[in-house]
């Protein structure tokens, strides 16, 4: 993971006062994750000792560096980063910010597993990451975020429909392809929009 990704993530967390979030970069630490699960009093014990335990078991048995990808665990308040893409790291930090502002964190996390509800969670994190980069002076980072995060959101849209309504692969791609198109289009407008904002 390059320093650009690390600095982007560190700066975001500092500016949003997310001081209790643990960041693991290419790290597999099941012992510490179990400890964080039991110590994370911001999530109710009922959720931590049921779904939280299953979450930690999954993390322990199937190391996400091999079997998964970048993610945020609300049960341990941990961001796991395995790819060198600043926009993705900020997206996961956006999840941490979203959860930090919720009163019933365990319930909010549980709702993610319900059909189509994840689209709301993912939209919150994506919107926050893009909005954050839009306020930064370097326009290239904002453009890159559109290229990466919009197609990623498309995978959630297509995946939700193919999993819960129409079990066909083409439905999944019907969500991904528009995400790529929208991301490329939004990315292509960034430089011109920034220039016009400076002139106005």
Protein backbone atom coordinates (compact mmCIF):
# COMPACT_ATOMS: atom_id res chain seq x y z
CA UNK A 1 0.00 0.00 0.00
CA UNK A 2 1.49 3.34 -1.07
CA UNK A 3 1.92 6.41 1.07
CA UNK A 4 -0.76 8.29 -0.90
CA UNK A 5 -3.42 5.85 0.26
CA UNK A 6 -2.15 5.89 3.84
CA UNK A 7 -2.00 9.69 4.01
CA UNK A 8 -5.44 10.09 2.41
CA UNK A 9 -6.98 7.70 4.93
CA UNK A 10 -5.16 9.20 7.92
CA UNK A 11 -6.14 12.74 6.96
CA UNK A 12 -9.78 11.77 6.46
CA UNK A 13 -9.99 10.09 9.86
CA UNK A 14 -8.38 13.06 11.59
CA UNK A 15 -10.65 15.62 9.93
CA UNK A 16 -13.74 13.62 10.86
CA UNK A 17 -12.53 13.00 14.42
CA UNK A 18 -12.70 9.21 14.02
CA UNK A 19 -10.10 8.61 16.71
CA UNK A 20 -11.23 5.14 17.86
CA UNK A 21 -11.21 3.47 14.45
CA UNK A 22 -8.55 0.81 13.99
CA UNK A 23 -6.91 0.69 10.56
CA UNK A 24 -5.27 -2.52 9.39
CA UNK A 25 -3.23 -2.30 6.21
CA UNK A 26 -2.47 -5.76 4.80
CA UNK A 27 -2.69 -7.10 8.33
CA UNK A 28 -4.20 -10.33 9.66
CA UNK A 29 -4.69 -10.05 13.42
CA UNK A 30 -7.52 -12.33 14.61
CA UNK A 31 -6.50 -12.15 18.28
CA UNK A 32 -6.72 -8.37 18.34
CA UNK A 33 -9.98 -8.40 16.40
CA UNK A 34 -11.60 -10.69 18.97
CA UNK A 35 -10.33 -8.39 21.70
CA UNK A 36 -11.78 -5.35 19.93
CA UNK A 37 -15.11 -7.15 19.52
CA UNK A 38 -15.42 -7.74 23.26
CA UNK A 39 -14.24 -4.21 24.14
CA UNK A 40 -16.41 -2.34 21.60
CA UNK A 41 -19.14 -1.05 23.91
CA UNK A 42 -20.56 1.25 21.21
CA UNK A 43 -22.35 -1.82 19.80
CA UNK A 44 -24.85 -3.59 22.04
CA UNK A 45 -23.71 -6.88 23.56
CA UNK A 46 -26.61 -8.74 21.94
CA UNK A 47 -25.30 -7.88 18.49
CA UNK A 48 -21.62 -8.35 19.39
CA UNK A 49 -22.15 -11.80 20.86
CA UNK A 50 -24.23 -13.07 17.96
CA UNK A 51 -23.53 -11.53 14.56
CA UNK A 52 -20.29 -10.00 15.82
CA UNK A 53 -18.96 -13.44 16.75
CA UNK A 54 -19.88 -14.82 13.32
CA UNK A 55 -18.14 -11.84 11.75
CA UNK A 56 -14.95 -12.49 13.71
CA UNK A 57 -15.13 -16.21 12.94
CA UNK A 58 -15.33 -15.39 9.24
CA UNK A 59 -12.36 -13.03 9.58
CA UNK A 60 -10.39 -15.69 11.46
CA UNK A 61 -11.14 -18.70 9.27
CA UNK A 62 -11.05 -16.91 5.89
CA UNK A 63 -8.33 -14.22 5.99
CA UNK A 64 -9.67 -11.39 3.89
CA UNK A 65 -6.27 -10.61 2.47
CA UNK A 66 -6.76 -13.86 0.52
CA UNK A 67 -10.52 -14.41 0.38
CA UNK A 68 -11.99 -10.93 0.64
CA UNK A 69 -11.30 -7.28 0.03
CA UNK A 70 -11.24 -3.87 1.64
CA UNK A 71 -13.96 -3.53 4.26
CA UNK A 72 -15.15 -1.95 7.48
CA UNK A 73 -16.36 -3.98 10.47
CA UNK A 74 -18.75 -2.08 12.71
CA UNK A 75 -18.54 -4.83 15.35
CA UNK A 76 -14.84 -4.18 15.92
CA UNK A 77 -14.73 -0.63 14.48
CA UNK A 78 -11.93 -1.68 12.14
CA UNK A 79 -11.04 -0.66 8.60
CA UNK A 80 -9.20 -3.37 6.65
CA UNK A 81 -7.29 -2.17 3.59
CA UNK A 82 -5.74 -4.56 1.07
CA UNK A 83 -5.66 -2.49 -2.14
CA UNK A 84 -3.68 0.62 -3.02
CA UNK A 85 -6.67 2.73 -4.11
CA UNK A 86 -7.21 5.92 -2.08
CA UNK A 87 -10.85 6.26 -3.13
CA UNK A 88 -11.63 2.76 -1.88
CA UNK A 89 -9.89 3.44 1.43
CA UNK A 90 -11.94 6.63 1.84
CA UNK A 91 -15.10 4.71 0.98
CA UNK A 92 -14.42 2.29 3.84
CA UNK A 93 -13.66 5.22 6.12
CA UNK A 94 -17.00 6.64 4.99
CA UNK A 95 -18.65 3.54 6.44
CA UNK A 96 -16.86 4.19 9.74
CA UNK A 97 -18.12 7.78 9.75
CA UNK A 98 -21.64 6.64 8.90
CA UNK A 99 -21.69 4.13 11.75
CA UNK A 100 -20.14 6.60 14.19
CA UNK A 101 -23.14 8.87 13.75
CA UNK A 102 -25.72 6.14 14.44
CA UNK A 103 -27.30 5.65 17.84
CA UNK A 104 -28.24 1.99 17.36
CA UNK A 105 -25.08 0.78 15.64
CA UNK A 106 -25.71 -2.95 15.98
CA UNK A 107 -29.19 -2.67 14.52
CA UNK A 108 -27.94 -0.46 11.72
CA UNK A 109 -25.24 -3.01 10.93
CA UNK A 110 -27.75 -5.88 10.97
CA UNK A 111 -30.01 -4.06 8.51
CA UNK A 112 -27.17 -4.17 5.98
CA UNK A 113 -27.86 -7.89 5.51
CA UNK A 114 -31.49 -7.33 4.51
CA UNK A 115 -32.44 -7.25 0.82
CA UNK A 116 -31.53 -3.96 -0.87
CA UNK A 117 -30.76 -2.16 2.42
CA UNK A 118 -27.03 -2.39 1.70
CA UNK A 119 -27.61 -0.01 -1.21
CA UNK A 120 -28.34 2.75 1.30
CA UNK A 121 -25.24 2.01 3.38
CA UNK A 122 -23.04 1.90 0.28
CA UNK A 123 -24.55 5.10 -1.11
CA UNK A 124 -23.77 6.87 2.18
CA UNK A 125 -20.13 5.77 2.11
CA UNK A 126 -19.67 6.49 -1.59
CA UNK A 127 -21.31 9.90 -1.36
CA UNK A 128 -19.19 10.87 1.61
CA UNK A 129 -15.94 9.78 -0.05
CA UNK A 130 -16.74 11.63 -3.28
CA UNK A 131 -17.89 14.72 -1.39
CA UNK A 132 -14.72 14.72 0.66
CA UNK A 133 -12.52 14.49 -2.44
CA UNK A 134 -14.56 17.17 -4.16
CA UNK A 135 -13.44 19.59 -1.43
CA UNK A 136 -9.76 18.71 -1.92
CA UNK A 137 -7.54 20.85 -4.17
CA UNK A 138 -6.35 17.94 -6.37
CA UNK A 139 -9.04 17.24 -8.94
CA UNK A 140 -7.41 13.99 -10.13
CA UNK A 141 -8.37 12.20 -6.90
CA UNK A 142 -12.02 13.15 -7.36
CA UNK A 143 -12.00 11.93 -10.95
CA UNK A 144 -10.41 8.62 -9.91
CA UNK A 145 -13.11 8.19 -7.26
CA UNK A 146 -15.87 8.39 -9.86
CA UNK A 147 -14.04 5.84 -12.03
CA UNK A 148 -13.78 3.37 -9.14
CA UNK A 149 -16.68 3.96 -6.78
CA UNK A 150 -19.54 4.33 -9.26
CA UNK A 151 -18.86 0.93 -10.91
CA UNK A 152 -18.42 -0.58 -7.44
CA UNK A 153 -21.84 0.75 -6.46
CA UNK A 154 -23.19 -0.73 -9.66
CA UNK A 155 -22.04 -4.15 -8.46
CA UNK A 156 -24.21 -3.73 -5.36
CA UNK A 157 -27.22 -2.69 -7.42
CA UNK A 158 -26.83 -5.52 -9.91
CA UNK A 159 -25.96 -7.99 -7.17
CA UNK A 160 -29.05 -7.10 -5.15
CA UNK A 161 -31.40 -7.64 -8.08
CA UNK A 162 -29.71 -10.86 -9.23
CA UNK A 163 -29.63 -12.26 -5.69
CA UNK A 164 -33.12 -11.38 -4.50
CA UNK A 165 -35.31 -10.91 -7.58
CA UNK A 166 -33.93 -12.29 -10.84
CA UNK A 167 -31.19 -14.92 -10.43
CA UNK A 168 -29.36 -14.29 -13.69
CA UNK A 169 -25.79 -13.12 -14.25
CA UNK A 170 -26.85 -10.61 -16.88
CA UNK A 171 -28.84 -8.74 -14.22
CA UNK A 172 -25.61 -8.28 -12.25
CA UNK A 173 -23.84 -6.86 -15.30
CA UNK A 174 -26.85 -4.67 -16.03
CA UNK A 175 -25.93 -2.86 -12.82
CA UNK A 176 -22.16 -2.82 -13.31
CA UNK A 177 -22.06 -1.44 -16.86
CA UNK A 178 -24.18 1.67 -16.12
CA UNK A 179 -21.93 2.25 -13.09
CA UNK A 180 -18.91 2.34 -15.38
CA UNK A 181 -20.65 4.66 -17.83
CA UNK A 182 -21.83 7.04 -15.11
CA UNK A 183 -18.42 7.00 -13.42
CA UNK A 184 -16.57 7.81 -16.64
CA UNK A 185 -19.01 10.57 -17.51
CA UNK A 186 -18.81 12.17 -14.06
CA UNK A 187 -15.05 11.84 -14.08
CA UNK A 188 -14.81 13.56 -17.45
CA UNK A 189 -16.60 16.65 -16.10
CA UNK A 190 -14.41 17.18 -13.02
CA UNK A 191 -11.60 19.25 -14.53
CA UNK A 192 -13.94 21.59 -16.41
CA UNK A 193 -16.21 22.01 -13.39
CA UNK A 194 -13.26 22.80 -11.13
CA UNK A 195 -11.98 25.36 -13.62
CA UNK A 196 -15.35 27.08 -13.87
CA UNK A 197 -15.68 27.14 -10.06
CA UNK A 198 -12.32 28.87 -9.75
CA UNK A 199 -13.33 31.48 -12.29
CA UNK A 200 -16.70 32.24 -10.71
